[in-house]
């Protein structure tokens, strides 16, 4: 399932991927120091994420609990695909070339890429 999440929603997904389910209060407490988000901001984001199918909400208990419906791997694949098509015209070689030219790849990173390419 291809569900795109915004940068703000990604922060909430990280909380849920690390530990789920969580209440809105738990998510707010985790993110507030770094983001300054209020309870209302988190509620708004969670509502939007529930509507688009990124998270589910269980309201059977005292507090609503949220659980991710997409995995970190699914979200990463979607973001990678989006970046590749938007910035690099769908060509992975242009992305790798950019990383090499910028010096962002270590020798270890390059070796891992070569190993991946050699796998059947």
C-alpha atoms as a PDB file:
ATOM      1  CA  UNK A   1       0.000   0.000   0.000  1.00  0.00           C
ATOM      2  CA  UNK A   2       1.545   3.307  -1.081  1.00  0.00           C
ATOM      3  CA  UNK A   3       0.843   5.858   1.625  1.00  0.00           C
ATOM      4  CA  UNK A   4       2.843   9.053   1.509  1.00  0.00           C
ATOM      5  CA  UNK A   5       3.594  10.790   4.778  1.00  0.00           C
ATOM      6  CA  UNK A   6       4.672  14.375   5.224  1.00  0.00           C
ATOM      7  CA  UNK A   7       7.790  15.369   7.157  1.00  0.00           C
ATOM      8  CA  UNK A   8       5.660  16.142  10.217  1.00  0.00           C
ATOM      9  CA  UNK A   9       3.796  12.855   9.957  1.00  0.00           C
ATOM     10  CA  UNK A  10       7.125  11.039   9.606  1.00  0.00           C
ATOM     11  CA  UNK A  11       8.054  12.215  13.123  1.00  0.00           C
ATOM     12  CA  UNK A  12       4.915  10.608  14.518  1.00  0.00           C
ATOM     13  CA  UNK A  13       5.522   7.447  12.511  1.00  0.00           C
ATOM     14  CA  UNK A  14       9.028   7.214  14.011  1.00  0.00           C
ATOM     15  CA  UNK A  15       7.480   7.288  17.497  1.00  0.00           C
ATOM     16  CA  UNK A  16       5.012   4.584  16.575  1.00  0.00           C
ATOM     17  CA  UNK A  17       7.579   2.417  14.798  1.00  0.00           C
ATOM     18  CA  UNK A  18       9.789   2.577  17.884  1.00  0.00           C
ATOM     19  CA  UNK A  19       6.957   1.652  20.259  1.00  0.00           C
ATOM     20  CA  UNK A  20       3.338   0.964  19.409  1.00  0.00           C
ATOM     21  CA  UNK A  21       0.616   1.331  20.282  1.00  0.00           C
ATOM     22  CA  UNK A  22       0.851   4.779  21.845  1.00  0.00           C
ATOM     23  CA  UNK A  23      -1.642   7.346  23.016  1.00  0.00           C
ATOM     24  CA  UNK A  24      -1.767  10.876  21.689  1.00  0.00           C
ATOM     25  CA  UNK A  25      -0.401  12.042  25.054  1.00  0.00           C
ATOM     26  CA  UNK A  26       2.576   9.702  24.850  1.00  0.00           C
ATOM     27  CA  UNK A  27       3.358  10.849  21.318  1.00  0.00           C
ATOM     28  CA  UNK A  28       3.047  14.499  22.321  1.00  0.00           C
ATOM     29  CA  UNK A  29       5.327  14.004  25.343  1.00  0.00           C
ATOM     30  CA  UNK A  30       7.965  12.380  23.130  1.00  0.00           C
ATOM     31  CA  UNK A  31       7.865  14.981  20.361  1.00  0.00           C
ATOM     32  CA  UNK A  32       7.162  18.223  22.242  1.00  0.00           C
ATOM     33  CA  UNK A  33      10.744  18.880  23.391  1.00  0.00           C
ATOM     34  CA  UNK A  34      12.140  18.674  19.841  1.00  0.00           C
ATOM     35  CA  UNK A  35       9.187  20.090  17.884  1.00  0.00           C
ATOM     36  CA  UNK A  36       7.297  22.355  20.278  1.00  0.00           C
ATOM     37  CA  UNK A  37       4.079  20.686  19.116  1.00  0.00           C
ATOM     38  CA  UNK A  38       1.013  21.062  21.279  1.00  0.00           C
ATOM     39  CA  UNK A  39      -1.561  18.398  21.958  1.00  0.00           C
ATOM     40  CA  UNK A  40      -3.808  19.936  19.281  1.00  0.00           C
ATOM     41  CA  UNK A  41      -1.082  19.696  16.630  1.00  0.00           C
ATOM     42  CA  UNK A  42      -0.581  15.991  17.345  1.00  0.00           C
ATOM     43  CA  UNK A  43      -4.358  15.393  17.308  1.00  0.00           C
ATOM     44  CA  UNK A  44      -4.642  17.086  13.909  1.00  0.00           C
ATOM     45  CA  UNK A  45      -1.766  15.078  12.457  1.00  0.00           C
ATOM     46  CA  UNK A  46      -3.072  11.781  13.857  1.00  0.00           C
ATOM     47  CA  UNK A  47      -6.533  12.472  12.417  1.00  0.00           C
ATOM     48  CA  UNK A  48      -5.046  13.130   8.984  1.00  0.00           C
ATOM     49  CA  UNK A  49      -2.832  10.029   9.228  1.00  0.00           C
ATOM     50  CA  UNK A  50      -5.793   7.865  10.238  1.00  0.00           C
ATOM     51  CA  UNK A  51      -7.828   9.154   7.287  1.00  0.00           C
ATOM     52  CA  UNK A  52      -5.072   8.349   4.791  1.00  0.00           C
ATOM     53  CA  UNK A  53      -4.493   4.871   6.235  1.00  0.00           C
ATOM     54  CA  UNK A  54      -1.048   5.393   7.761  1.00  0.00           C
ATOM     55  CA  UNK A  55      -2.185   4.616  11.319  1.00  0.00           C
ATOM     56  CA  UNK A  56      -5.095   2.903  13.011  1.00  0.00           C
ATOM     57  CA  UNK A  57      -6.866   4.108  16.125  1.00  0.00           C
ATOM     58  CA  UNK A  58      -8.224   1.884  18.875  1.00  0.00           C
ATOM     59  CA  UNK A  59     -10.742   3.730  21.025  1.00  0.00           C
ATOM     60  CA  UNK A  60     -11.872   0.742  23.085  1.00  0.00           C
ATOM     61  CA  UNK A  61      -9.899   1.817  26.169  1.00  0.00           C
ATOM     62  CA  UNK A  62      -9.745   4.932  28.291  1.00  0.00           C
ATOM     63  CA  UNK A  63      -7.398   6.653  25.883  1.00  0.00           C
ATOM     64  CA  UNK A  64      -7.228   6.248  22.110  1.00  0.00           C
ATOM     65  CA  UNK A  65      -4.204   4.234  21.022  1.00  0.00           C
ATOM     66  CA  UNK A  66      -2.507   4.581  17.673  1.00  0.00           C
ATOM     67  CA  UNK A  67      -0.654   1.891  15.738  1.00  0.00           C
ATOM     68  CA  UNK A  68       1.181   2.210  12.404  1.00  0.00           C
ATOM     69  CA  UNK A  69      -0.468   0.492   9.453  1.00  0.00           C
ATOM     70  CA  UNK A  70       2.606   0.803   7.267  1.00  0.00           C
ATOM     71  CA  UNK A  71       6.078  -0.405   8.094  1.00  0.00           C
ATOM     72  CA  UNK A  72       9.183   1.728   8.189  1.00  0.00           C
ATOM     73  CA  UNK A  73      10.400  -0.230   5.146  1.00  0.00           C
ATOM     74  CA  UNK A  74       7.225   0.501   3.159  1.00  0.00           C
ATOM     75  CA  UNK A  75       7.413   4.211   3.986  1.00  0.00           C
ATOM     76  CA  UNK A  76      11.141   4.328   3.176  1.00  0.00           C
ATOM     77  CA  UNK A  77      10.551   2.615  -0.169  1.00  0.00           C
ATOM     78  CA  UNK A  78       7.815   5.117  -1.033  1.00  0.00           C
ATOM     79  CA  UNK A  79      10.000   8.090  -0.095  1.00  0.00           C
ATOM     80  CA  UNK A  80      12.952   6.679  -2.036  1.00  0.00           C
ATOM     81  CA  UNK A  81      10.774   6.139  -5.107  1.00  0.00           C
ATOM     82  CA  UNK A  82       9.416   9.681  -4.806  1.00  0.00           C
ATOM     83  CA  UNK A  83      12.917  11.178  -4.481  1.00  0.00           C
ATOM     84  CA  UNK A  84      14.301   9.091  -7.318  1.00  0.00           C
ATOM     85  CA  UNK A  85      11.536  10.139  -9.709  1.00  0.00           C
ATOM     86  CA  UNK A  86      11.335  13.754  -8.627  1.00  0.00           C
ATOM     87  CA  UNK A  87      15.019  14.637  -8.378  1.00  0.00           C
ATOM     88  CA  UNK A  88      16.903  12.025 -10.389  1.00  0.00           C
ATOM     89  CA  UNK A  89      14.493  11.396 -13.299  1.00  0.00           C
ATOM     90  CA  UNK A  90      13.959   7.837 -12.070  1.00  0.00           C
ATOM     91  CA  UNK A  91      17.615   6.897 -12.494  1.00  0.00           C
ATOM     92  CA  UNK A  92      19.277   5.270  -9.501  1.00  0.00           C
ATOM     93  CA  UNK A  93      22.672   5.765 -11.129  1.00  0.00           C
ATOM     94  CA  UNK A  94      22.228   9.550 -10.886  1.00  0.00           C
ATOM     95  CA  UNK A  95      21.458   9.226  -7.176  1.00  0.00           C
ATOM     96  CA  UNK A  96      24.542   7.083  -6.544  1.00  0.00           C
ATOM     97  CA  UNK A  97      26.661   9.451  -8.643  1.00  0.00           C
ATOM     98  CA  UNK A  98      25.451  12.390  -6.540  1.00  0.00           C
ATOM     99  CA  UNK A  99      26.318  10.564  -3.323  1.00  0.00           C
ATOM    100  CA  UNK A 100      29.780   9.652  -4.629  1.00  0.00           C
ATOM    101  CA  UNK A 101      30.493  13.161  -5.941  1.00  0.00           C
ATOM    102  CA  UNK A 102      29.374  14.778  -2.693  1.00  0.00           C
ATOM    103  CA  UNK A 103      31.645  12.553  -0.613  1.00  0.00           C
ATOM    104  CA  UNK A 104      28.694  11.309   1.429  1.00  0.00           C
ATOM    105  CA  UNK A 105      29.609   7.656   0.872  1.00  0.00           C
ATOM    106  CA  UNK A 106      32.336   6.066   2.940  1.00  0.00           C
ATOM    107  CA  UNK A 107      34.504   3.247   1.629  1.00  0.00           C
ATOM    108  CA  UNK A 108      32.371   0.917   3.740  1.00  0.00           C
ATOM    109  CA  UNK A 109      29.185   2.278   2.139  1.00  0.00           C
ATOM    110  CA  UNK A 110      30.636   1.739  -1.328  1.00  0.00           C
ATOM    111  CA  UNK A 111      31.616  -1.814  -0.450  1.00  0.00           C
ATOM    112  CA  UNK A 112      28.093  -2.534   0.812  1.00  0.00           C
ATOM    113  CA  UNK A 113      26.646  -1.206  -2.455  1.00  0.00           C
ATOM    114  CA  UNK A 114      29.013  -3.386  -4.471  1.00  0.00           C
ATOM    115  CA  UNK A 115      28.053  -6.415  -2.393  1.00  0.00           C
ATOM    116  CA  UNK A 116      24.361  -5.711  -2.978  1.00  0.00           C
ATOM    117  CA  UNK A 117      24.933  -5.417  -6.723  1.00  0.00           C
ATOM    118  CA  UNK A 118      26.756  -8.761  -6.788  1.00  0.00           C
ATOM    119  CA  UNK A 119      23.922 -10.619  -5.055  1.00  0.00           C
ATOM    120  CA  UNK A 120      21.772 -12.728  -7.374  1.00  0.00           C
END
